[in-house]
Amino acid sequence: MVVCDECQGYLNPALAVDAAVRRQDSILLVRRKFPPNPGSWVLPGGFVDRGEDPEQAVIRELKEEAGLDGVNPKLLMVMGDPERDERKHVVSIVYELTVDSTQIPVGGDDASDAKFWAIEDILSGKVAMASDHPEIVEKWLALTSNS
């Protein structure tokens, strides 16, 4: 077993959050600016800072990456496959957020662009998405169509 002095011997996965934002028949995606997978589209998100509540992290990441003020984060799912991120083992908590319809997304921070894509284009594969984000979208839509 590998031992880490800084983490007191525990080599835990990194914790991230992803924001799921929908407007009628479209979903918010951001274009990755940096590796891994620069140029691909993903749900806005990122790592939870030390001492930060994941619900606050998803609101912060949505603002940083898409310029949108999200409210009422609702837990959708947890994605934890150790191979889901090529950098390291990353567990992501996915939240659905509400965003006022007058807000316009703008790419920022780690995102070179942000926009709402038609669900049809996402599900058909017309949008080049990274990692397990197509699976997240499919699971999210299945969850919300049953409620």
Protein backbone atom coordinates (compact mmCIF):
# COMPACT_ATOMS: atom_id res chain seq x y z
CA MET A 1 0.00 0.00 0.00
CA VAL A 2 1.23 3.49 -0.89
CA VAL A 3 1.29 5.86 2.08
CA CYS A 4 0.80 9.59 1.84
CA ASP A 5 2.14 11.75 4.69
CA GLU A 6 0.06 14.84 3.84
CA CYS A 7 -3.19 12.89 3.71
CA GLN A 8 -2.37 10.85 6.83
CA GLY A 9 -1.99 7.64 4.86
CA TYR A 10 -5.33 7.78 3.00
CA LEU A 11 -5.17 8.03 -0.78
CA ASN A 12 -8.80 9.01 -1.29
CA PRO A 13 -10.46 9.89 -4.58
CA ALA A 14 -10.87 13.56 -5.49
CA LEU A 15 -14.37 15.02 -5.07
CA ALA A 16 -15.98 17.01 -7.88
CA VAL A 17 -19.41 18.41 -8.72
CA ASP A 18 -21.28 18.79 -12.00
CA ALA A 19 -24.17 21.17 -12.69
CA ALA A 20 -27.18 19.96 -14.67
CA VAL A 21 -29.15 22.93 -16.04
CA ARG A 22 -32.05 22.54 -18.45
CA ARG A 23 -34.16 25.05 -20.40
CA GLN A 24 -37.14 23.41 -22.10
CA ASP A 25 -35.55 21.05 -24.66
CA SER A 26 -31.95 22.16 -24.19
CA ILE A 27 -29.12 21.50 -21.75
CA LEU A 28 -26.25 23.74 -20.69
CA LEU A 29 -22.78 22.53 -21.67
CA VAL A 30 -19.37 24.17 -21.50
CA ARG A 31 -16.42 23.62 -23.82
CA ARG A 32 -13.27 22.49 -22.02
CA LYS A 33 -10.38 24.93 -22.40
CA PHE A 34 -7.66 22.72 -20.88
CA PRO A 35 -6.73 19.02 -20.78
CA PRO A 36 -8.10 16.53 -20.43
CA ASN A 37 -10.12 16.63 -23.66
CA PRO A 38 -9.78 20.30 -24.61
CA GLY A 39 -12.47 21.39 -27.05
CA SER A 40 -14.98 18.78 -25.92
CA TRP A 41 -18.28 19.65 -24.25
CA VAL A 42 -19.22 18.73 -20.67
CA LEU A 43 -21.59 19.76 -17.93
CA PRO A 44 -20.15 22.70 -15.98
CA GLY A 45 -18.30 21.53 -12.91
CA GLY A 46 -15.07 21.09 -11.08
CA PHE A 47 -13.36 20.09 -7.89
CA VAL A 48 -14.76 20.81 -4.44
CA ASP A 49 -12.36 23.02 -2.48
CA ARG A 50 -11.13 21.95 0.95
CA GLY A 51 -13.65 23.17 3.56
CA GLU A 52 -16.36 23.75 0.92
CA ASP A 53 -19.83 22.21 0.92
CA PRO A 54 -20.51 20.42 -2.40
CA GLU A 55 -23.80 22.32 -2.85
CA GLN A 56 -21.88 25.60 -2.62
CA ALA A 57 -19.17 24.21 -4.93
CA VAL A 58 -21.65 23.43 -7.71
CA ILE A 59 -23.12 26.95 -7.48
CA ARG A 60 -19.57 28.40 -7.61
CA GLU A 61 -18.49 26.23 -10.53
CA LEU A 62 -21.61 27.11 -12.54
CA LYS A 63 -20.85 30.81 -12.03
CA GLU A 64 -17.14 30.43 -12.84
CA GLU A 65 -17.56 28.30 -15.95
CA ALA A 66 -20.82 29.58 -17.45
CA GLY A 67 -21.45 32.95 -15.77
CA LEU A 68 -24.83 31.77 -14.46
CA ASP A 69 -26.31 32.15 -10.99
CA GLY A 70 -27.82 28.80 -10.07
CA VAL A 71 -30.13 28.15 -7.14
CA ASN A 72 -31.81 25.22 -5.41
CA PRO A 73 -29.26 22.46 -6.08
CA LYS A 74 -31.02 19.10 -6.12
CA LEU A 75 -28.98 15.89 -5.86
CA LEU A 76 -29.35 13.79 -9.02
CA MET A 77 -26.64 11.13 -8.84
CA VAL A 78 -23.09 10.26 -7.90
CA MET A 79 -20.65 9.09 -10.57
CA GLY A 80 -17.71 7.16 -9.13
CA ASP A 81 -16.17 4.77 -11.66
CA PRO A 82 -12.43 4.88 -10.88
CA GLU A 83 -11.71 5.13 -14.64
CA ARG A 84 -14.15 7.98 -15.40
CA ASP A 85 -11.39 10.61 -15.39
CA GLU A 86 -8.01 9.98 -17.01
CA ARG A 87 -6.20 12.18 -14.47
CA LYS A 88 -7.08 10.23 -11.34
CA HIS A 89 -9.99 8.66 -9.47
CA VAL A 90 -12.62 11.41 -9.34
CA VAL A 91 -16.04 11.00 -7.75
CA SER A 92 -18.56 13.55 -8.97
CA ILE A 93 -21.78 14.61 -7.29
CA VAL A 94 -24.25 15.75 -9.96
CA TYR A 95 -26.80 18.39 -9.01
CA GLU A 96 -29.70 19.83 -10.97
CA LEU A 97 -29.90 23.61 -10.58
CA THR A 98 -32.45 26.26 -11.48
CA VAL A 99 -31.28 29.26 -13.49
CA ASP A 100 -33.36 32.31 -14.40
CA SER A 101 -34.26 32.17 -18.10
CA THR A 102 -33.00 35.72 -18.70
CA GLN A 103 -29.40 34.75 -17.92
CA ILE A 104 -27.08 34.20 -20.90
CA PRO A 105 -24.24 31.66 -20.52
CA VAL A 106 -20.69 32.84 -21.17
CA GLY A 107 -17.60 30.64 -21.02
CA GLY A 108 -15.13 31.50 -18.28
CA ASP A 109 -12.43 30.02 -16.04
CA ASP A 110 -11.79 26.50 -17.42
CA ALA A 111 -14.42 26.86 -20.19
CA SER A 112 -13.78 28.49 -23.57
CA ASP A 113 -17.52 28.57 -24.37
CA ALA A 114 -20.87 27.91 -22.74
CA LYS A 115 -24.21 27.39 -24.41
CA PHE A 116 -27.47 25.49 -24.34
CA TRP A 117 -27.55 22.55 -26.75
CA ALA A 118 -30.69 20.82 -28.01
CA ILE A 119 -31.24 17.56 -26.14
CA GLU A 120 -31.80 15.86 -29.50
CA ASP A 121 -28.31 16.91 -30.68
CA ILE A 122 -26.71 15.70 -27.45
CA LEU A 123 -28.44 12.31 -27.47
CA SER A 124 -27.73 11.74 -31.18
CA GLY A 125 -23.99 12.25 -30.65
CA LYS A 126 -23.76 15.46 -32.72
CA VAL A 127 -22.09 17.12 -29.73
CA ALA A 128 -18.58 15.84 -28.93
CA MET A 129 -18.79 15.22 -25.19
CA ALA A 130 -16.01 14.00 -22.90
CA SER A 131 -15.72 11.37 -20.21
CA ASP A 132 -18.98 9.94 -18.88
CA HIS A 133 -20.96 13.13 -19.45
CA PRO A 134 -23.19 11.59 -22.16
CA GLU A 135 -24.08 8.87 -19.62
CA ILE A 136 -24.81 11.53 -16.98
CA VAL A 137 -27.18 13.32 -19.38
CA GLU A 138 -28.97 10.07 -20.27
CA LYS A 139 -29.39 9.08 -16.62
CA TRP A 140 -30.54 12.61 -15.70
CA LEU A 141 -33.18 12.66 -18.43
CA ALA A 142 -34.39 9.19 -17.41
CA LEU A 143 -34.64 10.29 -13.77
CA THR A 144 -36.55 13.47 -14.53
CA SER A 145 -38.91 11.86 -17.06
CA ASN A 146 -40.12 9.51 -14.30
CA SER A 147 -40.96 12.30 -11.86
